[in-house]
PDB file of N, CA and C in Angstrom:
ATOM      1  N   MET A   1     -26.082  16.169   2.629  1.00  0.00           N
ATOM      2  CA  MET A   1     -25.336  15.545   3.706  1.00  0.00           C
ATOM      3  C   MET A   1     -25.788  14.100   3.865  1.00  0.00           C
ATOM      4  N   SER A   2     -24.812  13.222   4.109  1.00  0.00           N
ATOM      5  CA  SER A   2     -25.090  11.806   4.271  1.00  0.00           C
ATOM      6  C   SER A   2     -24.687  11.345   5.655  1.00  0.00           C
ATOM      7  N   THR A   3     -25.412  10.367   6.137  1.00  0.00           N
ATOM      8  CA  THR A   3     -25.112   9.763   7.429  1.00  0.00           C
ATOM      9  C   THR A   3     -24.917   8.272   7.214  1.00  0.00           C
ATOM     10  N   ILE A   4     -23.874   7.709   7.832  1.00  0.00           N
ATOM     11  CA  ILE A   4     -23.677   6.267   7.764  1.00  0.00           C
ATOM     12  C   ILE A   4     -23.778   5.681   9.163  1.00  0.00           C
ATOM     13  N   THR A   5     -24.172   4.426   9.233  1.00  0.00           N
ATOM     14  CA  THR A   5     -24.278   3.710  10.491  1.00  0.00           C
ATOM     15  C   THR A   5     -23.415   2.463  10.398  1.00  0.00           C
ATOM     16  N   VAL A   6     -22.556   2.266  11.406  1.00  0.00           N
ATOM     17  CA  VAL A   6     -21.665   1.112  11.427  1.00  0.00           C
ATOM     18  C   VAL A   6     -21.896   0.354  12.730  1.00  0.00           C
ATOM     19  N   GLU A   7     -22.294  -0.899  12.600  1.00  0.00           N
ATOM     20  CA  GLU A   7     -22.466  -1.768  13.762  1.00  0.00           C
ATOM     21  C   GLU A   7     -21.144  -2.452  14.050  1.00  0.00           C
ATOM     22  N   GLY A   8     -20.774  -2.575  15.316  1.00  0.00           N
ATOM     23  CA  GLY A   8     -19.522  -3.238  15.653  1.00  0.00           C
ATOM     24  C   GLY A   8     -19.380  -3.444  17.142  1.00  0.00           C
ATOM     25  N   TRP A   9     -18.140  -3.604  17.548  1.00  0.00           N
ATOM     26  CA  TRP A   9     -17.817  -3.846  18.954  1.00  0.00           C
ATOM     27  C   TRP A   9     -16.734  -2.891  19.422  1.00  0.00           C
ATOM     28  N   LEU A  10     -16.817  -2.501  20.692  1.00  0.00           N
ATOM     29  CA  LEU A  10     -15.807  -1.682  21.347  1.00  0.00           C
ATOM     30  C   LEU A  10     -14.924  -2.626  22.152  1.00  0.00           C
ATOM     31  N   TYR A  11     -13.590  -2.430  22.059  1.00  0.00           N
ATOM     32  CA  TYR A  11     -12.632  -3.309  22.731  1.00  0.00           C
ATOM     33  C   TYR A  11     -11.648  -2.502  23.560  1.00  0.00           C
ATOM     34  N   TYR A  12     -11.050  -3.166  24.541  1.00  0.00           N
ATOM     35  CA  TYR A  12      -9.962  -2.609  25.321  1.00  0.00           C
ATOM     36  C   TYR A  12      -8.690  -3.308  24.859  1.00  0.00           C
ATOM     37  N   ASP A  13      -7.668  -2.545  24.475  1.00  0.00           N
ATOM     38  CA  ASP A  13      -6.411  -3.086  23.968  1.00  0.00           C
ATOM     39  C   ASP A  13      -5.431  -3.239  25.122  1.00  0.00           C
ATOM     40  N   THR A  14      -4.995  -4.469  25.381  1.00  0.00           N
ATOM     41  CA  THR A  14      -4.101  -4.739  26.507  1.00  0.00           C
ATOM     42  C   THR A  14      -2.623  -4.684  26.134  1.00  0.00           C
ATOM     43  N   ASP A  15      -2.305  -4.349  24.891  1.00  0.00           N
ATOM     44  CA  ASP A  15      -0.912  -4.284  24.446  1.00  0.00           C
ATOM     45  C   ASP A  15      -0.146  -3.289  25.311  1.00  0.00           C
ATOM     46  N   LYS A  16       1.008  -3.724  25.847  1.00  0.00           N
ATOM     47  CA  LYS A  16       1.767  -2.872  26.774  1.00  0.00           C
ATOM     48  C   LYS A  16       2.389  -1.650  26.110  1.00  0.00           C
ATOM     49  N   PHE A  17       2.457  -1.631  24.766  1.00  0.00           N
ATOM     50  CA  PHE A  17       3.061  -0.500  24.066  1.00  0.00           C
ATOM     51  C   PHE A  17       2.047   0.579  23.688  1.00  0.00           C
ATOM     52  N   VAL A  18       0.784   0.363  24.014  1.00  0.00           N
ATOM     53  CA  VAL A  18      -0.270   1.316  23.681  1.00  0.00           C
ATOM     54  C   VAL A  18      -0.429   2.285  24.845  1.00  0.00           C
ATOM     55  N   THR A  19      -0.574   3.574  24.545  1.00  0.00           N
ATOM     56  CA  THR A  19      -0.741   4.562  25.610  1.00  0.00           C
ATOM     57  C   THR A  19      -2.144   4.476  26.189  1.00  0.00           C
ATOM     58  N   GLU A  20      -2.332   4.996  27.372  1.00  0.00           N
ATOM     59  CA  GLU A  20      -3.635   4.942  28.051  1.00  0.00           C
ATOM     60  C   GLU A  20      -4.741   5.561  27.208  1.00  0.00           C
ATOM     61  N   LEU A  21      -4.471   6.683  26.534  1.00  0.00           N
ATOM     62  CA  LEU A  21      -5.513   7.350  25.755  1.00  0.00           C
ATOM     63  C   LEU A  21      -5.899   6.562  24.510  1.00  0.00           C
ATOM     64  N   GLY A  22      -5.007   5.686  24.059  1.00  0.00           N
ATOM     65  CA  GLY A  22      -5.282   4.961  22.840  1.00  0.00           C
ATOM     66  C   GLY A  22      -5.655   3.504  23.044  1.00  0.00           C
ATOM     67  N   ARG A  23      -6.115   3.144  24.222  1.00  0.00           N
ATOM     68  CA  ARG A  23      -6.392   1.743  24.528  1.00  0.00           C
ATOM     69  C   ARG A  23      -7.731   1.231  23.998  1.00  0.00           C
ATOM     70  N   TYR A  24      -8.627   2.111  23.633  1.00  0.00           N
ATOM     71  CA  TYR A  24      -9.950   1.666  23.195  1.00  0.00           C
ATOM     72  C   TYR A  24     -10.003   1.579  21.676  1.00  0.00           C
ATOM     73  N   ARG A  25     -10.596   0.484  21.183  1.00  0.00           N
ATOM     74  CA  ARG A  25     -10.676   0.233  19.743  1.00  0.00           C
ATOM     75  C   ARG A  25     -12.120  -0.086  19.367  1.00  0.00           C
ATOM     76  N   PHE A  26     -12.478   0.313  18.158  1.00  0.00           N
ATOM     77  CA  PHE A  26     -13.781  -0.053  17.607  1.00  0.00           C
ATOM     78  C   PHE A  26     -13.538  -0.783  16.303  1.00  0.00           C
ATOM     79  N   PHE A  27     -14.153  -1.949  16.160  1.00  0.00           N
ATOM     80  CA  PHE A  27     -14.079  -2.712  14.920  1.00  0.00           C
ATOM     81  C   PHE A  27     -15.491  -2.988  14.449  1.00  0.00           C
ATOM     82  N   GLY A  28     -15.772  -2.586  13.218  1.00  0.00           N
ATOM     83  CA  GLY A  28     -17.085  -2.837  12.650  1.00  0.00           C
ATOM     84  C   GLY A  28     -17.270  -4.306  12.330  1.00  0.00           C
ATOM     85  N   GLY A  29     -18.499  -4.774  12.427  1.00  0.00           N
ATOM     86  CA  GLY A  29     -18.802  -6.161  12.081  1.00  0.00           C
ATOM     87  C   GLY A  29     -18.989  -7.020  13.310  1.00  0.00           C
ATOM     88  N   LYS A  30     -18.783  -8.319  13.127  1.00  0.00           N
ATOM     89  CA  LYS A  30     -18.984  -9.300  14.193  1.00  0.00           C
ATOM     90  C   LYS A  30     -17.932  -9.162  15.281  1.00  0.00           C
ATOM     91  N   ARG A  31     -18.238  -9.704  16.430  1.00  0.00           N
ATOM     92  CA  ARG A  31     -17.314  -9.700  17.558  1.00  0.00           C
ATOM     93  C   ARG A  31     -16.075 -10.517  17.207  1.00  0.00           C
ATOM     94  N   LEU A  32     -14.890  -9.960  17.508  1.00  0.00           N
ATOM     95  CA  LEU A  32     -13.632 -10.659  17.268  1.00  0.00           C
ATOM     96  C   LEU A  32     -13.489 -11.794  18.269  1.00  0.00           C
ATOM     97  N   GLU A  33     -13.094 -12.936  17.782  1.00  0.00           N
ATOM     98  CA  GLU A  33     -12.858 -14.088  18.648  1.00  0.00           C
ATOM     99  C   GLU A  33     -11.372 -14.409  18.650  1.00  0.00           C
ATOM    100  N   ASN A  34     -10.905 -14.977  19.745  1.00  0.00           N
ATOM    101  CA  ASN A  34      -9.529 -15.483  19.850  1.00  0.00           C
ATOM    102  C   ASN A  34      -8.456 -14.412  19.709  1.00  0.00           C
ATOM    103  N   PHE A  35      -8.728 -13.204  20.174  1.00  0.00           N
ATOM    104  CA  PHE A  35      -7.709 -12.152  20.201  1.00  0.00           C
ATOM    105  C   PHE A  35      -7.364 -11.878  21.659  1.00  0.00           C
ATOM    106  N   VAL A  36      -6.154 -12.239  22.040  1.00  0.00           N
ATOM    107  CA  VAL A  36      -5.744 -12.111  23.430  1.00  0.00           C
ATOM    108  C   VAL A  36      -5.623 -10.653  23.856  1.00  0.00           C
ATOM    109  N   SER A  37      -5.127  -9.795  22.956  1.00  0.00           N
ATOM    110  CA  SER A  37      -4.866  -8.412  23.353  1.00  0.00           C
ATOM    111  C   SER A  37      -6.093  -7.504  23.273  1.00  0.00           C
ATOM    112  N   TYR A  38      -7.212  -7.966  22.685  1.00  0.00           N
ATOM    113  CA  TYR A  38      -8.430  -7.155  22.613  1.00  0.00           C
ATOM    114  C   TYR A  38      -9.521  -7.786  23.465  1.00  0.00           C
ATOM    115  N   ILE A  39      -9.886  -7.079  24.523  1.00  0.00           N
ATOM    116  CA  ILE A  39     -10.950  -7.562  25.406  1.00  0.00           C
ATOM    117  C   ILE A  39     -12.239  -6.865  25.008  1.00  0.00           C
ATOM    118  N   PRO A  40     -13.293  -7.649  24.621  1.00  0.00           N
ATOM    119  CA  PRO A  40     -14.548  -7.018  24.211  1.00  0.00           C
ATOM    120  C   PRO A  40     -15.217  -6.303  25.379  1.00  0.00           C
ATOM    121  N   ILE A  41     -15.695  -5.084  25.124  1.00  0.00           N
ATOM    122  CA  ILE A  41     -16.399  -4.316  26.148  1.00  0.00           C
ATOM    123  C   ILE A  41     -17.899  -4.424  25.916  1.00  0.00           C
ATOM    124  N   CYS A  42     -18.350  -4.017  24.716  1.00  0.00           N
ATOM    125  CA  CYS A  42     -19.782  -4.070  24.425  1.00  0.00           C
ATOM    126  C   CYS A  42     -20.013  -3.837  22.937  1.00  0.00           C
ATOM    127  N   PRO A  43     -21.173  -4.289  22.423  1.00  0.00           N
ATOM    128  CA  PRO A  43     -21.508  -3.940  21.046  1.00  0.00           C
ATOM    129  C   PRO A  43     -21.800  -2.444  20.985  1.00  0.00           C
ATOM    130  N   HIS A  44     -21.532  -1.847  19.833  1.00  0.00           N
ATOM    131  CA  HIS A  44     -21.732  -0.397  19.724  1.00  0.00           C
ATOM    132  C   HIS A  44     -22.132  -0.043  18.293  1.00  0.00           C
ATOM    133  N   THR A  45     -22.906   1.024  18.161  1.00  0.00           N
ATOM    134  CA  THR A  45     -23.308   1.528  16.852  1.00  0.00           C
ATOM    135  C   THR A  45     -22.740   2.925  16.675  1.00  0.00           C
ATOM    136  N   LEU A  46     -21.992   3.111  15.598  1.00  0.00           N
ATOM    137  CA  LEU A  46     -21.476   4.435  15.271  1.00  0.00           C
ATOM    138  C   LEU A  46     -22.374   5.050  14.201  1.00  0.00           C
ATOM    139  N   VAL A  47     -22.795   6.263  14.435  1.00  0.00           N
ATOM    140  CA  VAL A  47     -23.550   7.017  13.440  1.00  0.00           C
ATOM    141  C   VAL A  47     -22.708   8.242  13.120  1.00  0.00           C
ATOM    142  N   VAL A  48     -22.302   8.353  11.858  1.00  0.00           N
ATOM    143  CA  VAL A  48     -21.369   9.410  11.471  1.00  0.00           C
ATOM    144  C   VAL A  48     -21.930  10.205  10.309  1.00  0.00           C
ATOM    145  N   ASP A  49     -21.887  11.523  10.453  1.00  0.00           N
ATOM    146  CA  ASP A  49     -22.282  12.408   9.358  1.00  0.00           C
ATOM    147  C   ASP A  49     -21.046  12.606   8.489  1.00  0.00           C
ATOM    148  N   ILE A  50     -21.103  12.096   7.264  1.00  0.00           N
ATOM    149  CA  ILE A  50     -19.942  12.186   6.378  1.00  0.00           C
ATOM    150  C   ILE A  50     -20.050  13.343   5.395  1.00  0.00           C
ATOM    151  N   GLY A  51     -21.063  14.150   5.538  1.00  0.00           N
ATOM    152  CA  GLY A  51     -21.204  15.318   4.671  1.00  0.00           C
ATOM    153  C   GLY A  51     -21.403  14.920   3.224  1.00  0.00           C
ATOM    154  N   ASN A  52     -20.778  15.646   2.329  1.00  0.00           N
ATOM    155  CA  ASN A  52     -20.869  15.362   0.898  1.00  0.00           C
ATOM    156  C   ASN A  52     -19.601  14.642   0.433  1.00  0.00           C
ATOM    157  N   PHE A  53     -19.211  13.637   1.162  1.00  0.00           N
ATOM    158  CA  PHE A  53     -17.979  12.905   0.878  1.00  0.00           C
ATOM    159  C   PHE A  53     -18.039  12.244  -0.498  1.00  0.00           C
ATOM    160  N   ASP A  54     -16.987  12.469  -1.274  1.00  0.00           N
ATOM    161  CA  ASP A  54     -16.863  11.867  -2.595  1.00  0.00           C
ATOM    162  C   ASP A  54     -15.481  11.214  -2.672  1.00  0.00           C
ATOM    163  N   PRO A  55     -15.399   9.887  -2.696  1.00  0.00           N
ATOM    164  CA  PRO A  55     -14.099   9.216  -2.675  1.00  0.00           C
ATOM    165  C   PRO A  55     -13.358   9.259  -4.008  1.00  0.00           C
ATOM    166  N   ARG A  56     -14.006   9.678  -5.070  1.00  0.00           N
ATOM    167  CA  ARG A  56     -13.393   9.617  -6.398  1.00  0.00           C
ATOM    168  C   ARG A  56     -12.107  10.414  -6.540  1.00  0.00           C
ATOM    169  N   PRO A  57     -12.008  11.647  -6.019  1.00  0.00           N
ATOM    170  CA  PRO A  57     -10.735  12.373  -6.175  1.00  0.00           C
ATOM    171  C   PRO A  57      -9.544  11.633  -5.548  1.00  0.00           C
ATOM    172  N   GLN A  58      -9.750  11.027  -4.386  1.00  0.00           N
ATOM    173  CA  GLN A  58      -8.675  10.269  -3.743  1.00  0.00           C
ATOM    174  C   GLN A  58      -8.357   9.010  -4.541  1.00  0.00           C
ATOM    175  N   GLN A  59      -9.370   8.371  -5.123  1.00  0.00           N
ATOM    176  CA  GLN A  59      -9.147   7.183  -5.932  1.00  0.00           C
ATOM    177  C   GLN A  59      -8.359   7.532  -7.194  1.00  0.00           C
ATOM    178  N   VAL A  60      -8.711   8.654  -7.831  1.00  0.00           N
ATOM    179  CA  VAL A  60      -7.984   9.094  -9.032  1.00  0.00           C
ATOM    180  C   VAL A  60      -6.531   9.394  -8.672  1.00  0.00           C
ATOM    181  N   LYS A  61      -6.296  10.070  -7.554  1.00  0.00           N
ATOM    182  CA  LYS A  61      -4.938  10.405  -7.123  1.00  0.00           C
ATOM    183  C   LYS A  61      -4.122   9.137  -6.877  1.00  0.00           C
ATOM    184  N   ALA A  62      -4.718   8.138  -6.231  1.00  0.00           N
ATOM    185  CA  ALA A  62      -4.020   6.877  -5.973  1.00  0.00           C
ATOM    186  C   ALA A  62      -3.699   6.156  -7.281  1.00  0.00           C
ATOM    187  N   LEU A  63      -4.642   6.156  -8.225  1.00  0.00           N
ATOM    188  CA  LEU A  63      -4.408   5.508  -9.516  1.00  0.00           C
ATOM    189  C   LEU A  63      -3.330   6.230 -10.316  1.00  0.00           C
ATOM    190  N   GLU A  64      -3.304   7.558 -10.256  1.00  0.00           N
ATOM    191  CA  GLU A  64      -2.263   8.316 -10.950  1.00  0.00           C
ATOM    192  C   GLU A  64      -0.890   8.013 -10.366  1.00  0.00           C
ATOM    193  N   ALA A  65      -0.812   7.875  -9.042  1.00  0.00           N
ATOM    194  CA  ALA A  65       0.453   7.534  -8.394  1.00  0.00           C
ATOM    195  C   ALA A  65       0.902   6.137  -8.811  1.00  0.00           C
ATOM    196  N   LYS A  66      -0.032   5.211  -8.881  1.00  0.00           N
ATOM    197  CA  LYS A  66       0.292   3.850  -9.315  1.00  0.00           C
ATOM    198  C   LYS A  66       0.763   3.849 -10.771  1.00  0.00           C
ATOM    199  N   ARG A  67       0.071   4.634 -11.618  1.00  0.00           N
ATOM    200  CA  ARG A  67       0.473   4.731 -13.025  1.00  0.00           C
ATOM    201  C   ARG A  67       1.891   5.292 -13.139  1.00  0.00           C
ATOM    202  N   ALA A  68       2.208   6.316 -12.366  1.00  0.00           N
ATOM    203  CA  ALA A  68       3.546   6.916 -12.412  1.00  0.00           C
ATOM    204  C   ALA A  68       4.601   5.896 -11.975  1.00  0.00           C
ATOM    205  N   GLU A  69       4.306   5.120 -10.942  1.00  0.00           N
ATOM    206  CA  GLU A  69       5.246   4.101 -10.477  1.00  0.00           C
ATOM    207  C   GLU A  69       5.447   3.023 -11.538  1.00  0.00           C
ATOM    208  N   LEU A  70       4.355   2.585 -12.162  1.00  0.00           N
ATOM    209  CA  LEU A  70       4.465   1.574 -13.217  1.00  0.00           C
ATOM    210  C   LEU A  70       5.231   2.104 -14.425  1.00  0.00           C
ATOM    211  N   ASN A  71       5.012   3.384 -14.788  1.00  0.00           N
ATOM    212  CA  ASN A  71       5.774   3.998 -15.886  1.00  0.00           C
ATOM    213  C   ASN A  71       7.268   4.020 -15.568  1.00  0.00           C
ATOM    214  N   LYS A  72       7.589   4.326 -14.322  1.00  0.00           N
ATOM    215  CA  LYS A  72       8.991   4.365 -13.892  1.00  0.00           C
ATOM    216  C   LYS A  72       9.609   2.972 -13.999  1.00  0.00           C
ATOM    217  N   GLN A  73       8.878   1.950 -13.516  1.00  0.00           N
ATOM    218  CA  GLN A  73       9.378   0.576 -13.591  1.00  0.00           C
ATOM    219  C   GLN A  73       9.507   0.123 -15.044  1.00  0.00           C
ATOM    220  N   PHE A  74       8.528   0.472 -15.863  1.00  0.00           N
ATOM    221  CA  PHE A  74       8.552   0.106 -17.276  1.00  0.00           C
ATOM    222  C   PHE A  74       9.762   0.726 -17.972  1.00  0.00           C
ATOM    223  N   SER A  75       9.996   2.021 -17.743  1.00  0.00           N
ATOM    224  CA  SER A  75      11.123   2.718 -18.364  1.00  0.00           C
ATOM    225  C   SER A  75      12.449   2.084 -17.956  1.00  0.00           C
ATOM    226  N   ALA A  76      12.564   1.732 -16.686  1.00  0.00           N
ATOM    227  CA  ALA A  76      13.800   1.100 -16.210  1.00  0.00           C
ATOM    228  C   ALA A  76      13.992  -0.259 -16.883  1.00  0.00           C
ATOM    229  N   ALA A  77      12.912  -1.023 -17.038  1.00  0.00           N
ATOM    230  CA  ALA A  77      13.009  -2.340 -17.683  1.00  0.00           C
ATOM    231  C   ALA A  77      13.389  -2.196 -19.151  1.00  0.00           C
ATOM    232  N   VAL A  78      12.800  -1.227 -19.855  1.00  0.00           N
ATOM    233  CA  VAL A  78      13.126  -1.003 -21.269  1.00  0.00           C
ATOM    234  C   VAL A  78      14.586  -0.576 -21.411  1.00  0.00           C
ATOM    235  N   MET A  79      15.058   0.285 -20.533  1.00  0.00           N
ATOM    236  CA  MET A  79      16.472   0.705 -20.584  1.00  0.00           C
ATOM    237  C   MET A  79      17.398  -0.489 -20.390  1.00  0.00           C
ATOM    238  N   GLU A  80      17.054  -1.380 -19.475  1.00  0.00           N
ATOM    239  CA  GLU A  80      17.887  -2.558 -19.236  1.00  0.00           C
ATOM    240  C   GLU A  80      17.884  -3.480 -20.456  1.00  0.00           C
ATOM    241  N   ILE A  81      16.721  -3.675 -21.067  1.00  0.00           N
ATOM    242  CA  ILE A  81      16.633  -4.495 -22.278  1.00  0.00           C
ATOM    243  C   ILE A  81      17.458  -3.861 -23.396  1.00  0.00           C
ATOM    244  N   ASN A  82      17.350  -2.550 -23.565  1.00  0.00           N
ATOM    245  CA  ASN A  82      18.134  -1.851 -24.595  1.00  0.00           C
ATOM    246  C   ASN A  82      19.632  -1.990 -24.346  1.00  0.00           C
ATOM    247  N   ARG A  83      20.035  -1.924 -23.075  1.00  0.00           N
ATOM    248  CA  ARG A  83      21.452  -2.085 -22.720  1.00  0.00           C
ATOM    249  C   ARG A  83      21.929  -3.478 -23.113  1.00  0.00           C
ATOM    250  N   GLN A  84      21.130  -4.496 -22.821  1.00  0.00           N
ATOM    251  CA  GLN A  84      21.504  -5.869 -23.140  1.00  0.00           C
ATOM    252  C   GLN A  84      21.576  -6.081 -24.657  1.00  0.00           C
ATOM    253  N   ILE A  85      20.621  -5.511 -25.390  1.00  0.00           N
ATOM    254  CA  ILE A  85      20.632  -5.612 -26.850  1.00  0.00           C
ATOM    255  C   ILE A  85      21.881  -4.945 -27.412  1.00  0.00           C
ATOM    256  N   SER A  86      22.203  -3.753 -26.928  1.00  0.00           N
ATOM    257  CA  SER A  86      23.402  -3.041 -27.393  1.00  0.00           C
ATOM    258  C   SER A  86      24.654  -3.857 -27.118  1.00  0.00           C
ATOM    259  N   GLU A  87      24.693  -4.478 -25.951  1.00  0.00           N
ATOM    260  CA  GLU A  87      25.843  -5.293 -25.594  1.00  0.00           C
ATOM    261  C   GLU A  87      25.979  -6.480 -26.555  1.00  0.00           C
ATOM    262  N   LEU A  88      24.849  -7.088 -26.899  1.00  0.00           N
ATOM    263  CA  LEU A  88      24.873  -8.235 -27.807  1.00  0.00           C
ATOM    264  C   LEU A  88      25.218  -7.832 -29.239  1.00  0.00           C
ATOM    265  N   GLN A  89      24.846  -6.619 -29.635  1.00  0.00           N
ATOM    266  CA  GLN A  89      25.086  -6.155 -30.993  1.00  0.00           C
ATOM    267  C   GLN A  89      26.428  -5.458 -31.162  1.00  0.00           C
ATOM    268  N   ALA A  90      27.155  -5.300 -30.075  1.00  0.00           N
ATOM    269  CA  ALA A  90      28.449  -4.607 -30.156  1.00  0.00           C
ATOM    270  C   ALA A  90      29.399  -5.383 -31.051  1.00  0.00           C
ATOM    271  N   ILE A  91      30.156  -4.646 -31.860  1.00  0.00           N
ATOM    272  CA  ILE A  91      31.131  -5.259 -32.765  1.00  0.00           C
ATOM    273  C   ILE A  91      32.429  -5.414 -31.988  1.00  0.00           C
ATOM    274  N   GLU A  92      32.894  -6.647 -31.934  1.00  0.00           N
ATOM    275  CA  GLU A  92      34.145  -6.899 -31.234  1.00  0.00           C
ATOM    276  C   GLU A  92      35.312  -6.702 -32.202  1.00  0.00           C
ATOM    277  N   TYR A  93      36.372  -6.118 -31.743  1.00  0.00           N
ATOM    278  CA  TYR A  93      37.555  -5.891 -32.585  1.00  0.00           C
ATOM    279  C   TYR A  93      38.614  -6.910 -32.203  1.00  0.00           C
ATOM    280  N   THR A  94      39.010  -7.655 -33.177  1.00  0.00           N
ATOM    281  CA  THR A  94      40.135  -8.562 -32.981  1.00  0.00           C
ATOM    282  C   THR A  94      41.134  -8.281 -34.104  1.00  0.00           C
ATOM    283  N   PRO A  95      42.323  -7.858 -33.776  1.00  0.00           N
ATOM    284  CA  PRO A  95      43.304  -7.538 -34.822  1.00  0.00           C
ATOM    285  C   PRO A  95      43.662  -8.772 -35.629  1.00  0.00           C
ATOM    286  N   ALA A  96      43.869  -8.580 -36.927  1.00  0.00           N
ATOM    287  CA  ALA A  96      44.196  -9.678 -37.828  1.00  0.00           C
ATOM    288  C   ALA A  96      45.580 -10.223 -37.525  1.00  0.00           C
ATOM    289  N   VAL A  97      46.491  -9.329 -37.196  1.00  0.00           N
ATOM    290  CA  VAL A  97      47.868  -9.731 -36.911  1.00  0.00           C
ATOM    291  C   VAL A  97      48.234  -9.189 -35.546  1.00  0.00           C
ATOM    292  N   GLU A  98      48.762 -10.032 -34.739  1.00  0.00           N
ATOM    293  CA  GLU A  98      49.195  -9.574 -33.419  1.00  0.00           C
ATOM    294  C   GLU A  98      50.574  -8.950 -33.523  1.00  0.00           C
ATOM    295  N   VAL A  99      50.741  -7.820 -32.910  1.00  0.00           N
ATOM    296  CA  VAL A  99      52.001  -7.096 -32.919  1.00  0.00           C
ATOM    297  C   VAL A  99      52.835  -7.595 -31.745  1.00  0.00           C
ATOM    298  N   PRO A 100      54.087  -8.028 -32.004  1.00  0.00           N
ATOM    299  CA  PRO A 100      54.915  -8.502 -30.894  1.00  0.00           C
ATOM    300  C   PRO A 100      55.263  -7.337 -29.966  1.00  0.00           C
ATOM    301  N   ALA A 101      55.324  -7.644 -28.735  1.00  0.00           N
ATOM    302  CA  ALA A 101      55.612  -6.612 -27.745  1.00  0.00           C
ATOM    303  C   ALA A 101      57.059  -6.302 -27.596  1.00  0.00           C
TER     304      ALA A 101
END
């Protein structure tokens, strides 16, 4: 089991669209400056037991999704290029003699 410690600040969110239960925010790191909607309350330390957390399975899943999206985009681009090549290589038919109507 692993424990992490995050130093940061606790804030009150004054945004009118935020519900009462969701008005408190924690941001790790230095105190935020020049944010009108976040009023600093106090510095705070979070200590969290993350267990045997291993981020690799989620990272692999995200990379596989990205690979699938890129394969889809690649296939679409190749199909478009093939369509354009076929269009350029098409044999045009022009009759040698025009038939009167």
